[in-house]
């Protein structure tokens, strides 16, 4: 069992919009239930969580895998500091692999997040 509980946050652009929240708003109620359960699992186990629940993609970006009866969802995220997980955005899975453009988007969001933290004086 995991020794600590992780903090999960959703990335927010500088304009306050959250790609993850916007994605969740587009899901069915049933899909959201599955997503929340997956977030709870990630919050409980963090770096200890392994396949089939998560997978490393590249450049410090991971995917949280959520399979629902209706669809396959993926939430891209990264670890920040010693206790935080930042979910950048979500996608509906249409192919076996996460498209490179979605990983690139997560990398861009990560860079923006880190820049916001630097500007805000947080570490």
PDB file of N, CA and C in Angstrom:
ATOM      1  N   UNK A   1       0.843  -1.187   0.000  1.00  0.00           N
ATOM      2  CA  UNK A   1       0.000   0.000   0.000  1.00  0.00           C
ATOM      3  C   UNK A   1       0.883   1.243   0.000  1.00  0.00           C
ATOM      4  N   UNK A   2       0.357   2.293  -0.596  1.00  0.00           N
ATOM      5  CA  UNK A   2       1.108   3.537  -0.704  1.00  0.00           C
ATOM      6  C   UNK A   2       1.309   4.153   0.677  1.00  0.00           C
ATOM      7  N   UNK A   3       2.449   4.788   0.856  1.00  0.00           N
ATOM      8  CA  UNK A   3       2.773   5.358   2.159  1.00  0.00           C
ATOM      9  C   UNK A   3       2.259   6.778   2.331  1.00  0.00           C
ATOM     10  N   UNK A   4       1.927   7.440   1.250  1.00  0.00           N
ATOM     11  CA  UNK A   4       1.446   8.815   1.364  1.00  0.00           C
ATOM     12  C   UNK A   4       0.349   9.055   0.338  1.00  0.00           C
ATOM     13  N   UNK A   5      -0.456  10.041   0.611  1.00  0.00           N
ATOM     14  CA  UNK A   5      -1.480  10.425  -0.347  1.00  0.00           C
ATOM     15  C   UNK A   5      -0.942  11.591  -1.165  1.00  0.00           C
ATOM     16  N   UNK A   6      -1.115  11.530  -2.458  1.00  0.00           N
ATOM     17  CA  UNK A   6      -0.637  12.559  -3.365  1.00  0.00           C
ATOM     18  C   UNK A   6      -1.715  13.625  -3.540  1.00  0.00           C
ATOM     19  N   UNK A   7      -1.273  14.834  -3.865  1.00  0.00           N
ATOM     20  CA  UNK A   7      -2.197  15.913  -4.203  1.00  0.00           C
ATOM     21  C   UNK A   7      -2.360  15.936  -5.716  1.00  0.00           C
ATOM     22  N   UNK A   8      -3.604  15.892  -6.169  1.00  0.00           N
ATOM     23  CA  UNK A   8      -3.870  15.983  -7.598  1.00  0.00           C
ATOM     24  C   UNK A   8      -4.439  17.359  -7.888  1.00  0.00           C
ATOM     25  N   UNK A   9      -3.885  17.987  -8.917  1.00  0.00           N
ATOM     26  CA  UNK A   9      -4.442  19.254  -9.366  1.00  0.00           C
ATOM     27  C   UNK A   9      -4.569  19.219 -10.878  1.00  0.00           C
ATOM     28  N   UNK A  10      -5.486  20.024 -11.377  1.00  0.00           N
ATOM     29  CA  UNK A  10      -5.677  20.148 -12.813  1.00  0.00           C
ATOM     30  C   UNK A  10      -4.936  21.391 -13.285  1.00  0.00           C
ATOM     31  N   UNK A  11      -4.142  21.214 -14.322  1.00  0.00           N
ATOM     32  CA  UNK A  11      -3.427  22.340 -14.920  1.00  0.00           C
ATOM     33  C   UNK A  11      -4.422  23.420 -15.328  1.00  0.00           C
ATOM     34  N   UNK A  12      -4.043  24.667 -15.080  1.00  0.00           N
ATOM     35  CA  UNK A  12      -4.825  25.817 -15.532  1.00  0.00           C
ATOM     36  C   UNK A  12      -3.942  26.731 -16.361  1.00  0.00           C
ATOM     37  N   UNK A  13      -4.477  27.147 -17.489  1.00  0.00           N
ATOM     38  CA  UNK A  13      -3.782  28.141 -18.303  1.00  0.00           C
ATOM     39  C   UNK A  13      -3.757  29.462 -17.539  1.00  0.00           C
ATOM     40  N   UNK A  14      -2.960  30.399 -18.015  1.00  0.00           N
ATOM     41  CA  UNK A  14      -2.871  31.693 -17.336  1.00  0.00           C
ATOM     42  C   UNK A  14      -4.204  32.439 -17.350  1.00  0.00           C
ATOM     43  N   UNK A  15      -5.104  32.076 -18.272  1.00  0.00           N
ATOM     44  CA  UNK A  15      -6.423  32.717 -18.315  1.00  0.00           C
ATOM     45  C   UNK A  15      -7.428  32.040 -17.373  1.00  0.00           C
ATOM     46  N   UNK A  16      -6.961  31.032 -16.617  1.00  0.00           N
ATOM     47  CA  UNK A  16      -7.812  30.354 -15.644  1.00  0.00           C
ATOM     48  C   UNK A  16      -8.578  29.166 -16.184  1.00  0.00           C
ATOM     49  N   UNK A  17      -8.509  28.917 -17.469  1.00  0.00           N
ATOM     50  CA  UNK A  17      -9.223  27.774 -18.053  1.00  0.00           C
ATOM     51  C   UNK A  17      -8.432  26.496 -17.840  1.00  0.00           C
ATOM     52  N   UNK A  18      -9.159  25.427 -17.544  1.00  0.00           N
ATOM     53  CA  UNK A  18      -8.540  24.132 -17.295  1.00  0.00           C
ATOM     54  C   UNK A  18      -8.951  23.147 -18.387  1.00  0.00           C
ATOM     55  N   UNK A  19      -7.996  22.703 -19.215  1.00  0.00           N
ATOM     56  CA  UNK A  19      -8.323  21.718 -20.242  1.00  0.00           C
ATOM     57  C   UNK A  19      -8.914  20.429 -19.660  1.00  0.00           C
ATOM     58  N   UNK A  20      -8.464  20.028 -18.487  1.00  0.00           N
ATOM     59  CA  UNK A  20      -8.987  18.803 -17.867  1.00  0.00           C
ATOM     60  C   UNK A  20     -10.436  18.983 -17.452  1.00  0.00           C
ATOM     61  N   UNK A  21     -10.745  20.090 -16.786  1.00  0.00           N
ATOM     62  CA  UNK A  21     -12.135  20.341 -16.374  1.00  0.00           C
ATOM     63  C   UNK A  21     -13.056  20.436 -17.591  1.00  0.00           C
ATOM     64  N   UNK A  22     -12.582  21.100 -18.633  1.00  0.00           N
ATOM     65  CA  UNK A  22     -13.388  21.224 -19.852  1.00  0.00           C
ATOM     66  C   UNK A  22     -13.644  19.845 -20.470  1.00  0.00           C
ATOM     67  N   UNK A  23     -12.629  18.994 -20.465  1.00  0.00           N
ATOM     68  CA  UNK A  23     -12.794  17.638 -20.988  1.00  0.00           C
ATOM     69  C   UNK A  23     -13.794  16.856 -20.134  1.00  0.00           C
ATOM     70  N   UNK A  24     -13.649  16.937 -18.821  1.00  0.00           N
ATOM     71  CA  UNK A  24     -14.569  16.226 -17.926  1.00  0.00           C
ATOM     72  C   UNK A  24     -16.013  16.685 -18.139  1.00  0.00           C
ATOM     73  N   UNK A  25     -16.201  17.966 -18.382  1.00  0.00           N
ATOM     74  CA  UNK A  25     -17.548  18.497 -18.608  1.00  0.00           C
ATOM     75  C   UNK A  25     -18.204  17.905 -19.856  1.00  0.00           C
ATOM     76  N   UNK A  26     -17.390  17.463 -20.807  1.00  0.00           N
ATOM     77  CA  UNK A  26     -17.921  16.887 -22.049  1.00  0.00           C
ATOM     78  C   UNK A  26     -18.245  15.402 -21.928  1.00  0.00           C
ATOM     79  N   UNK A  27     -17.811  14.762 -20.860  1.00  0.00           N
ATOM     80  CA  UNK A  27     -18.036  13.326 -20.689  1.00  0.00           C
ATOM     81  C   UNK A  27     -19.450  13.041 -20.192  1.00  0.00           C
ATOM     82  N   UNK A  28     -19.877  11.804 -20.394  1.00  0.00           N
ATOM     83  CA  UNK A  28     -21.143  11.377 -19.813  1.00  0.00           C
ATOM     84  C   UNK A  28     -20.953  11.218 -18.310  1.00  0.00           C
ATOM     85  N   UNK A  29     -22.055  11.179 -17.588  1.00  0.00           N
ATOM     86  CA  UNK A  29     -21.975  10.998 -16.130  1.00  0.00           C
ATOM     87  C   UNK A  29     -21.265   9.691 -15.805  1.00  0.00           C
ATOM     88  N   UNK A  30     -21.535   8.647 -16.557  1.00  0.00           N
ATOM     89  CA  UNK A  30     -20.911   7.348 -16.318  1.00  0.00           C
ATOM     90  C   UNK A  30     -19.405   7.396 -16.559  1.00  0.00           C
ATOM     91  N   UNK A  31     -18.984   8.070 -17.618  1.00  0.00           N
ATOM     92  CA  UNK A  31     -17.553   8.198 -17.892  1.00  0.00           C
ATOM     93  C   UNK A  31     -16.864   8.978 -16.777  1.00  0.00           C
ATOM     94  N   UNK A  32     -17.521  10.019 -16.264  1.00  0.00           N
ATOM     95  CA  UNK A  32     -16.939  10.816 -15.168  1.00  0.00           C
ATOM     96  C   UNK A  32     -16.734   9.972 -13.914  1.00  0.00           C
ATOM     97  N   UNK A  33     -17.673   9.063 -13.626  1.00  0.00           N
ATOM     98  CA  UNK A  33     -17.525   8.192 -12.458  1.00  0.00           C
ATOM     99  C   UNK A  33     -16.252   7.358 -12.591  1.00  0.00           C
ATOM    100  N   UNK A  34     -16.020   6.800 -13.754  1.00  0.00           N
ATOM    101  CA  UNK A  34     -14.811   6.006 -13.983  1.00  0.00           C
ATOM    102  C   UNK A  34     -13.560   6.872 -13.853  1.00  0.00           C
ATOM    103  N   UNK A  35     -13.623   8.099 -14.378  1.00  0.00           N
ATOM    104  CA  UNK A  35     -12.472   9.004 -14.296  1.00  0.00           C
ATOM    105  C   UNK A  35     -12.163   9.349 -12.845  1.00  0.00           C
ATOM    106  N   UNK A  36     -13.179   9.661 -12.062  1.00  0.00           N
ATOM    107  CA  UNK A  36     -12.965  10.022 -10.652  1.00  0.00           C
ATOM    108  C   UNK A  36     -12.364   8.845  -9.886  1.00  0.00           C
ATOM    109  N   UNK A  37     -12.830   7.641 -10.154  1.00  0.00           N
ATOM    110  CA  UNK A  37     -12.244   6.453  -9.505  1.00  0.00           C
ATOM    111  C   UNK A  37     -10.764   6.317  -9.859  1.00  0.00           C
ATOM    112  N   UNK A  38     -10.435   6.575 -11.121  1.00  0.00           N
ATOM    113  CA  UNK A  38      -9.035   6.492 -11.549  1.00  0.00           C
ATOM    114  C   UNK A  38      -8.201   7.585 -10.878  1.00  0.00           C
ATOM    115  N   UNK A  39      -8.768   8.796 -10.742  1.00  0.00           N
ATOM    116  CA  UNK A  39      -8.059   9.871 -10.042  1.00  0.00           C
ATOM    117  C   UNK A  39      -7.803   9.475  -8.593  1.00  0.00           C
ATOM    118  N   UNK A  40      -8.795   8.863  -7.953  1.00  0.00           N
ATOM    119  CA  UNK A  40      -8.630   8.416  -6.563  1.00  0.00           C
ATOM    120  C   UNK A  40      -7.506   7.395  -6.443  1.00  0.00           C
ATOM    121  N   UNK A  41      -7.444   6.474  -7.392  1.00  0.00           N
ATOM    122  CA  UNK A  41      -6.389   5.458  -7.387  1.00  0.00           C
ATOM    123  C   UNK A  41      -5.026   6.114  -7.559  1.00  0.00           C
ATOM    124  N   UNK A  42      -4.928   7.059  -8.490  1.00  0.00           N
ATOM    125  CA  UNK A  42      -3.669   7.767  -8.717  1.00  0.00           C
ATOM    126  C   UNK A  42      -3.278   8.577  -7.485  1.00  0.00           C
ATOM    127  N   UNK A  43      -4.243   9.206  -6.850  1.00  0.00           N
ATOM    128  CA  UNK A  43      -3.987   9.986  -5.637  1.00  0.00           C
ATOM    129  C   UNK A  43      -3.474   9.095  -4.506  1.00  0.00           C
ATOM    130  N   UNK A  44      -3.977   7.887  -4.422  1.00  0.00           N
ATOM    131  CA  UNK A  44      -3.566   6.959  -3.364  1.00  0.00           C
ATOM    132  C   UNK A  44      -2.194   6.349  -3.611  1.00  0.00           C
ATOM    133  N   UNK A  45      -1.883   6.024  -4.855  1.00  0.00           N
ATOM    134  CA  UNK A  45      -0.669   5.266  -5.144  1.00  0.00           C
ATOM    135  C   UNK A  45       0.438   6.060  -5.835  1.00  0.00           C
ATOM    136  N   UNK A  46       0.111   7.161  -6.488  1.00  0.00           N
ATOM    137  CA  UNK A  46       1.129   8.014  -7.104  1.00  0.00           C
ATOM    138  C   UNK A  46       2.116   7.264  -7.960  1.00  0.00           C
ATOM    139  N   UNK A  47       3.386   7.421  -7.645  1.00  0.00           N
ATOM    140  CA  UNK A  47       4.456   6.788  -8.435  1.00  0.00           C
ATOM    141  C   UNK A  47       4.456   5.257  -8.342  1.00  0.00           C
ATOM    142  N   UNK A  48       3.774   4.710  -7.371  1.00  0.00           N
ATOM    143  CA  UNK A  48       3.730   3.253  -7.223  1.00  0.00           C
ATOM    144  C   UNK A  48       2.731   2.590  -8.172  1.00  0.00           C
ATOM    145  N   UNK A  49       1.822   3.358  -8.736  1.00  0.00           N
ATOM    146  CA  UNK A  49       0.821   2.813  -9.642  1.00  0.00           C
ATOM    147  C   UNK A  49       1.495   2.398 -10.950  1.00  0.00           C
ATOM    148  N   UNK A  50       1.141   1.248 -11.453  1.00  0.00           N
ATOM    149  CA  UNK A  50       1.776   0.683 -12.655  1.00  0.00           C
ATOM    150  C   UNK A  50       0.727   0.280 -13.687  1.00  0.00           C
ATOM    151  N   UNK A  51       1.240  -0.278 -14.795  1.00  0.00           N
ATOM    152  CA  UNK A  51       0.355  -0.806 -15.829  1.00  0.00           C
ATOM    153  C   UNK A  51      -0.529  -1.881 -15.217  1.00  0.00           C
ATOM    154  N   UNK A  52      -1.753  -1.985 -15.596  1.00  0.00           N
ATOM    155  CA  UNK A  52      -2.395  -1.362 -16.753  1.00  0.00           C
ATOM    156  C   UNK A  52      -3.019   0.003 -16.454  1.00  0.00           C
ATOM    157  N   UNK A  53      -2.863   0.503 -15.243  1.00  0.00           N
ATOM    158  CA  UNK A  53      -3.517   1.759 -14.859  1.00  0.00           C
ATOM    159  C   UNK A  53      -2.822   2.992 -15.420  1.00  0.00           C
ATOM    160  N   UNK A  54      -1.500   2.964 -15.476  1.00  0.00           N
ATOM    161  CA  UNK A  54      -0.728   4.098 -15.976  1.00  0.00           C
ATOM    162  C   UNK A  54       0.387   3.591 -16.877  1.00  0.00           C
ATOM    163  N   UNK A  55       0.940   4.514 -17.649  1.00  0.00           N
ATOM    164  CA  UNK A  55       2.105   4.182 -18.455  1.00  0.00           C
ATOM    165  C   UNK A  55       2.916   5.452 -18.675  1.00  0.00           C
ATOM    166  N   UNK A  56       4.223   5.289 -18.740  1.00  0.00           N
ATOM    167  CA  UNK A  56       5.105   6.414 -19.027  1.00  0.00           C
ATOM    168  C   UNK A  56       5.095   6.644 -20.533  1.00  0.00           C
ATOM    169  N   UNK A  57       4.977   7.898 -20.942  1.00  0.00           N
ATOM    170  CA  UNK A  57       4.988   8.216 -22.364  1.00  0.00           C
ATOM    171  C   UNK A  57       6.375   8.707 -22.772  1.00  0.00           C
ATOM    172  N   UNK A  58       6.716   9.957 -22.410  1.00  0.00           N
ATOM    173  CA  UNK A  58       8.056  10.497 -22.666  1.00  0.00           C
ATOM    174  C   UNK A  58       8.161  11.875 -22.029  1.00  0.00           C
ATOM    175  N   UNK A  59       9.388  12.332 -21.867  1.00  0.00           N
ATOM    176  CA  UNK A  59       9.662  13.699 -21.386  1.00  0.00           C
ATOM    177  C   UNK A  59       8.882  14.042 -20.118  1.00  0.00           C
ATOM    178  N   UNK A  60       8.898  13.143 -19.158  1.00  0.00           N
ATOM    179  CA  UNK A  60       8.248  13.323 -17.853  1.00  0.00           C
ATOM    180  C   UNK A  60       6.722  13.339 -17.915  1.00  0.00           C
ATOM    181  N   UNK A  61       6.149  12.888 -19.011  1.00  0.00           N
ATOM    182  CA  UNK A  61       4.691  12.827 -19.152  1.00  0.00           C
ATOM    183  C   UNK A  61       4.225  11.381 -19.044  1.00  0.00           C
ATOM    184  N   UNK A  62       3.196  11.197 -18.234  1.00  0.00           N
ATOM    185  CA  UNK A  62       2.587   9.895 -18.007  1.00  0.00           C
ATOM    186  C   UNK A  62       1.140   9.918 -18.481  1.00  0.00           C
ATOM    187  N   UNK A  63       0.566   8.738 -18.678  1.00  0.00           N
ATOM    188  CA  UNK A  63      -0.856   8.654 -18.996  1.00  0.00           C
ATOM    189  C   UNK A  63      -1.566   7.826 -17.937  1.00  0.00           C
ATOM    190  N   UNK A  64      -2.728   8.306 -17.524  1.00  0.00           N
ATOM    191  CA  UNK A  64      -3.640   7.567 -16.658  1.00  0.00           C
ATOM    192  C   UNK A  64      -4.667   6.939 -17.580  1.00  0.00           C
ATOM    193  N   UNK A  65      -4.776   5.629 -17.540  1.00  0.00           N
ATOM    194  CA  UNK A  65      -5.652   4.894 -18.440  1.00  0.00           C
ATOM    195  C   UNK A  65      -6.976   4.615 -17.749  1.00  0.00           C
ATOM    196  N   UNK A  66      -8.054   4.977 -18.410  1.00  0.00           N
ATOM    197  CA  UNK A  66      -9.387   4.782 -17.863  1.00  0.00           C
ATOM    198  C   UNK A  66     -10.228   4.097 -18.935  1.00  0.00           C
ATOM    199  N   UNK A  67     -10.617   2.867 -18.653  1.00  0.00           N
ATOM    200  CA  UNK A  67     -11.477   2.145 -19.586  1.00  0.00           C
ATOM    201  C   UNK A  67     -12.889   2.105 -19.031  1.00  0.00           C
ATOM    202  N   UNK A  68     -13.814   2.611 -19.819  1.00  0.00           N
ATOM    203  CA  UNK A  68     -15.223   2.602 -19.441  1.00  0.00           C
ATOM    204  C   UNK A  68     -15.950   1.667 -20.390  1.00  0.00           C
ATOM    205  N   UNK A  69     -17.180   1.283 -20.070  1.00  0.00           N
ATOM    206  CA  UNK A  69     -17.938   0.458 -21.022  1.00  0.00           C
ATOM    207  C   UNK A  69     -18.167   1.178 -22.358  1.00  0.00           C
ATOM    208  N   UNK A  70     -18.113   2.495 -22.342  1.00  0.00           N
ATOM    209  CA  UNK A  70     -18.412   3.273 -23.542  1.00  0.00           C
ATOM    210  C   UNK A  70     -17.186   3.735 -24.315  1.00  0.00           C
ATOM    211  N   UNK A  71     -16.049   3.896 -23.627  1.00  0.00           N
ATOM    212  CA  UNK A  71     -14.889   4.476 -24.293  1.00  0.00           C
ATOM    213  C   UNK A  71     -13.618   4.213 -23.502  1.00  0.00           C
ATOM    214  N   UNK A  72     -12.508   4.557 -24.127  1.00  0.00           N
ATOM    215  CA  UNK A  72     -11.226   4.554 -23.446  1.00  0.00           C
ATOM    216  C   UNK A  72     -10.789   5.991 -23.270  1.00  0.00           C
ATOM    217  N   UNK A  73     -10.508   6.358 -22.049  1.00  0.00           N
ATOM    218  CA  UNK A  73     -10.082   7.721 -21.750  1.00  0.00           C
ATOM    219  C   UNK A  73      -8.617   7.704 -21.341  1.00  0.00           C
ATOM    220  N   UNK A  74      -7.922   8.773 -21.652  1.00  0.00           N
ATOM    221  CA  UNK A  74      -6.548   8.939 -21.215  1.00  0.00           C
ATOM    222  C   UNK A  74      -6.402  10.346 -20.635  1.00  0.00           C
ATOM    223  N   UNK A  75      -5.764  10.409 -19.472  1.00  0.00           N
ATOM    224  CA  UNK A  75      -5.451  11.688 -18.856  1.00  0.00           C
ATOM    225  C   UNK A  75      -3.941  11.777 -18.780  1.00  0.00           C
ATOM    226  N   UNK A  76      -3.376  12.839 -19.338  1.00  0.00           N
ATOM    227  CA  UNK A  76      -1.934  13.019 -19.326  1.00  0.00           C
ATOM    228  C   UNK A  76      -1.553  13.844 -18.106  1.00  0.00           C
ATOM    229  N   UNK A  77      -0.447  13.484 -17.490  1.00  0.00           N
ATOM    230  CA  UNK A  77      -0.052  14.142 -16.248  1.00  0.00           C
ATOM    231  C   UNK A  77       1.449  14.087 -16.050  1.00  0.00           C
ATOM    232  N   UNK A  78       1.895  14.857 -15.047  1.00  0.00           N
ATOM    233  CA  UNK A  78       3.302  14.833 -14.641  1.00  0.00           C
ATOM    234  C   UNK A  78       3.365  15.004 -13.133  1.00  0.00           C
ATOM    235  N   UNK A  79       4.494  14.626 -12.587  1.00  0.00           N
ATOM    236  CA  UNK A  79       4.739  14.781 -11.149  1.00  0.00           C
ATOM    237  C   UNK A  79       5.416  16.124 -10.924  1.00  0.00           C
ATOM    238  N   UNK A  80       5.003  16.805  -9.852  1.00  0.00           N
ATOM    239  CA  UNK A  80       5.602  18.085  -9.507  1.00  0.00           C
ATOM    240  C   UNK A  80       5.946  18.067  -8.029  1.00  0.00           C
ATOM    241  N   UNK A  81       7.125  18.587  -7.722  1.00  0.00           N
ATOM    242  CA  UNK A  81       7.564  18.649  -6.339  1.00  0.00           C
ATOM    243  C   UNK A  81       7.618  17.216  -5.784  1.00  0.00           C
ATOM    244  N   UNK A  82       7.391  17.045  -4.526  1.00  0.00           N
ATOM    245  CA  UNK A  82       7.488  15.697  -3.937  1.00  0.00           C
ATOM    246  C   UNK A  82       6.149  15.046  -3.698  1.00  0.00           C
ATOM    247  N   UNK A  83       5.069  15.789  -3.893  1.00  0.00           N
ATOM    248  CA  UNK A  83       3.779  15.246  -3.493  1.00  0.00           C
ATOM    249  C   UNK A  83       2.620  15.607  -4.417  1.00  0.00           C
ATOM    250  N   UNK A  84       2.911  16.225  -5.554  1.00  0.00           N
ATOM    251  CA  UNK A  84       1.841  16.688  -6.430  1.00  0.00           C
ATOM    252  C   UNK A  84       1.855  15.993  -7.778  1.00  0.00           C
ATOM    253  N   UNK A  85       0.657  15.776  -8.285  1.00  0.00           N
ATOM    254  CA  UNK A  85       0.440  15.255  -9.627  1.00  0.00           C
ATOM    255  C   UNK A  85      -0.422  16.281 -10.337  1.00  0.00           C
ATOM    256  N   UNK A  86       0.040  16.729 -11.500  1.00  0.00           N
ATOM    257  CA  UNK A  86      -0.700  17.724 -12.265  1.00  0.00           C
ATOM    258  C   UNK A  86      -1.229  17.052 -13.530  1.00  0.00           C
ATOM    259  N   UNK A  87      -2.552  17.015 -13.647  1.00  0.00           N
ATOM    260  CA  UNK A  87      -3.184  16.443 -14.831  1.00  0.00           C
ATOM    261  C   UNK A  87      -3.351  17.573 -15.843  1.00  0.00           C
ATOM    262  N   UNK A  88      -2.747  17.393 -17.020  1.00  0.00           N
ATOM    263  CA  UNK A  88      -2.747  18.461 -18.012  1.00  0.00           C
ATOM    264  C   UNK A  88      -4.037  18.506 -18.812  1.00  0.00           C
ATOM    265  N   UNK A  89      -4.475  17.352 -19.292  1.00  0.00           N
ATOM    266  CA  UNK A  89      -5.693  17.300 -20.100  1.00  0.00           C
ATOM    267  C   UNK A  89      -6.080  15.847 -20.331  1.00  0.00           C
ATOM    268  N   UNK A  90      -7.244  15.662 -20.913  1.00  0.00           N
ATOM    269  CA  UNK A  90      -7.728  14.323 -21.203  1.00  0.00           C
ATOM    270  C   UNK A  90      -8.102  14.186 -22.666  1.00  0.00           C
ATOM    271  N   UNK A  91      -8.112  12.937 -23.119  1.00  0.00           N
ATOM    272  CA  UNK A  91      -8.526  12.632 -24.492  1.00  0.00           C
ATOM    273  C   UNK A  91      -9.323  11.335 -24.481  1.00  0.00           C
ATOM    274  N   UNK A  92     -10.147  11.166 -25.503  1.00  0.00           N
ATOM    275  CA  UNK A  92     -10.791   9.876 -25.728  1.00  0.00           C
ATOM    276  C   UNK A  92      -9.863   9.079 -26.619  1.00  0.00           C
ATOM    277  N   UNK A  93      -9.622   7.857 -26.222  1.00  0.00           N
ATOM    278  CA  UNK A  93      -8.678   7.010 -26.945  1.00  0.00           C
ATOM    279  C   UNK A  93      -9.319   6.515 -28.233  1.00  0.00           C
ATOM    280  N   UNK A  94      -8.622   6.744 -29.337  1.00  0.00           N
ATOM    281  CA  UNK A  94      -9.122   6.299 -30.632  1.00  0.00           C
ATOM    282  C   UNK A  94      -8.164   5.324 -31.317  1.00  0.00           C
ATOM    283  N   UNK A  95      -6.921   5.288 -30.840  1.00  0.00           N
ATOM    284  CA  UNK A  95      -5.914   4.392 -31.414  1.00  0.00           C
ATOM    285  C   UNK A  95      -5.184   3.701 -30.268  1.00  0.00           C
ATOM    286  N   UNK A  96      -4.298   2.779 -30.609  1.00  0.00           N
ATOM    287  CA  UNK A  96      -3.543   2.068 -29.582  1.00  0.00           C
ATOM    288  C   UNK A  96      -2.586   2.977 -28.835  1.00  0.00           C
ATOM    289  N   UNK A  97      -2.046   3.973 -29.521  1.00  0.00           N
ATOM    290  CA  UNK A  97      -1.060   4.860 -28.904  1.00  0.00           C
ATOM    291  C   UNK A  97      -1.639   6.250 -28.707  1.00  0.00           C
ATOM    292  N   UNK A  98      -1.126   6.937 -27.708  1.00  0.00           N
ATOM    293  CA  UNK A  98      -1.491   8.339 -27.513  1.00  0.00           C
ATOM    294  C   UNK A  98      -0.822   9.129 -28.641  1.00  0.00           C
ATOM    295  N   UNK A  99      -1.597   9.926 -29.383  1.00  0.00           N
ATOM    296  CA  UNK A  99      -1.000  10.692 -30.482  1.00  0.00           C
ATOM    297  C   UNK A  99       0.122  11.608 -29.993  1.00  0.00           C
ATOM    298  N   UNK A 100       1.171  11.705 -30.794  1.00  0.00           N
ATOM    299  CA  UNK A 100       2.328  12.532 -30.432  1.00  0.00           C
ATOM    300  C   UNK A 100       1.917  13.972 -30.164  1.00  0.00           C
ATOM    301  N   UNK A 101       0.936  14.493 -30.897  1.00  0.00           N
ATOM    302  CA  UNK A 101       0.516  15.889 -30.695  1.00  0.00           C
ATOM    303  C   UNK A 101      -0.082  16.078 -29.309  1.00  0.00           C
ATOM    304  N   UNK A 102      -0.712  15.037 -28.744  1.00  0.00           N
ATOM    305  CA  UNK A 102      -1.277  15.141 -27.398  1.00  0.00           C
ATOM    306  C   UNK A 102      -0.166  15.125 -26.346  1.00  0.00           C
ATOM    307  N   UNK A 103       0.867  14.332 -26.586  1.00  0.00           N
ATOM    308  CA  UNK A 103       2.016  14.325 -25.677  1.00  0.00           C
ATOM    309  C   UNK A 103       2.719  15.681 -25.747  1.00  0.00           C
ATOM    310  N   UNK A 104       2.878  16.194 -26.969  1.00  0.00           N
ATOM    311  CA  UNK A 104       3.495  17.513 -27.137  1.00  0.00           C
ATOM    312  C   UNK A 104       2.690  18.590 -26.412  1.00  0.00           C
ATOM    313  N   UNK A 105       1.368  18.492 -26.471  1.00  0.00           N
ATOM    314  CA  UNK A 105       0.514  19.452 -25.775  1.00  0.00           C
ATOM    315  C   UNK A 105       0.739  19.362 -24.267  1.00  0.00           C
ATOM    316  N   UNK A 106       0.839  18.137 -23.741  1.00  0.00           N
ATOM    317  CA  UNK A 106       1.098  17.958 -22.304  1.00  0.00           C
ATOM    318  C   UNK A 106       2.453  18.531 -21.915  1.00  0.00           C
ATOM    319  N   UNK A 107       3.444  18.353 -22.767  1.00  0.00           N
ATOM    320  CA  UNK A 107       4.774  18.916 -22.509  1.00  0.00           C
ATOM    321  C   UNK A 107       4.699  20.440 -22.477  1.00  0.00           C
ATOM    322  N   UNK A 108       3.962  21.020 -23.421  1.00  0.00           N
ATOM    323  CA  UNK A 108       3.790  22.472 -23.456  1.00  0.00           C
ATOM    324  C   UNK A 108       3.071  22.953 -22.191  1.00  0.00           C
ATOM    325  N   UNK A 109       2.016  22.249 -21.780  1.00  0.00           N
ATOM    326  CA  UNK A 109       1.290  22.622 -20.570  1.00  0.00           C
ATOM    327  C   UNK A 109       2.192  22.505 -19.341  1.00  0.00           C
ATOM    328  N   UNK A 110       3.027  21.479 -19.301  1.00  0.00           N
ATOM    329  CA  UNK A 110       3.964  21.319 -18.186  1.00  0.00           C
ATOM    330  C   UNK A 110       4.918  22.506 -18.122  1.00  0.00           C
ATOM    331  N   UNK A 111       5.468  22.891 -19.271  1.00  0.00           N
ATOM    332  CA  UNK A 111       6.383  24.043 -19.312  1.00  0.00           C
ATOM    333  C   UNK A 111       5.686  25.308 -18.838  1.00  0.00           C
ATOM    334  N   UNK A 112       4.449  25.504 -19.291  1.00  0.00           N
ATOM    335  CA  UNK A 112       3.691  26.677 -18.874  1.00  0.00           C
ATOM    336  C   UNK A 112       3.420  26.640 -17.373  1.00  0.00           C
ATOM    337  N   UNK A 113       3.069  25.475 -16.861  1.00  0.00           N
ATOM    338  CA  UNK A 113       2.814  25.319 -15.423  1.00  0.00           C
ATOM    339  C   UNK A 113       4.058  25.692 -14.613  1.00  0.00           C
ATOM    340  N   UNK A 114       5.200  25.157 -15.027  1.00  0.00           N
ATOM    341  CA  UNK A 114       6.446  25.444 -14.313  1.00  0.00           C
ATOM    342  C   UNK A 114       6.787  26.932 -14.383  1.00  0.00           C
ATOM    343  N   UNK A 115       6.563  27.536 -15.532  1.00  0.00           N
ATOM    344  CA  UNK A 115       6.812  28.975 -15.682  1.00  0.00           C
ATOM    345  C   UNK A 115       5.880  29.774 -14.766  1.00  0.00           C
ATOM    346  N   UNK A 116       4.623  29.371 -14.675  1.00  0.00           N
ATOM    347  CA  UNK A 116       3.681  30.050 -13.775  1.00  0.00           C
ATOM    348  C   UNK A 116       4.152  29.942 -12.321  1.00  0.00           C
ATOM    349  N   UNK A 117       4.674  28.774 -11.939  1.00  0.00           N
ATOM    350  CA  UNK A 117       5.166  28.596 -10.576  1.00  0.00           C
ATOM    351  C   UNK A 117       6.362  29.495 -10.297  1.00  0.00           C
ATOM    352  N   UNK A 118       7.257  29.617 -11.277  1.00  0.00           N
ATOM    353  CA  UNK A 118       8.431  30.480 -11.121  1.00  0.00           C
ATOM    354  C   UNK A 118       7.991  31.939 -10.979  1.00  0.00           C
ATOM    355  N   UNK A 119       7.092  32.361 -11.860  1.00  0.00           N
ATOM    356  CA  UNK A 119       6.592  33.754 -11.800  1.00  0.00           C
ATOM    357  C   UNK A 119       5.844  34.016 -10.503  1.00  0.00           C
ATOM    358  N   UNK A 120       5.158  32.979  -9.997  1.00  0.00           N
ATOM    359  CA  UNK A 120       4.384  33.131  -8.771  1.00  0.00           C
ATOM    360  C   UNK A 120       5.219  33.007  -7.507  1.00  0.00           C
ATOM    361  N   UNK A 121       6.506  32.672  -7.671  1.00  0.00           N
ATOM    362  CA  UNK A 121       7.396  32.571  -6.512  1.00  0.00           C
ATOM    363  C   UNK A 121       7.310  31.261  -5.769  1.00  0.00           C
ATOM    364  N   UNK A 122       6.594  30.266  -6.355  1.00  0.00           N
ATOM    365  CA  UNK A 122       6.512  28.950  -5.677  1.00  0.00           C
ATOM    366  C   UNK A 122       7.626  28.079  -6.197  1.00  0.00           C
ATOM    367  N   UNK A 123       7.963  27.033  -5.412  1.00  0.00           N
ATOM    368  CA  UNK A 123       8.985  26.111  -5.870  1.00  0.00           C
ATOM    369  C   UNK A 123       8.417  24.757  -6.157  1.00  0.00           C
TER     370      UNK A 123
END
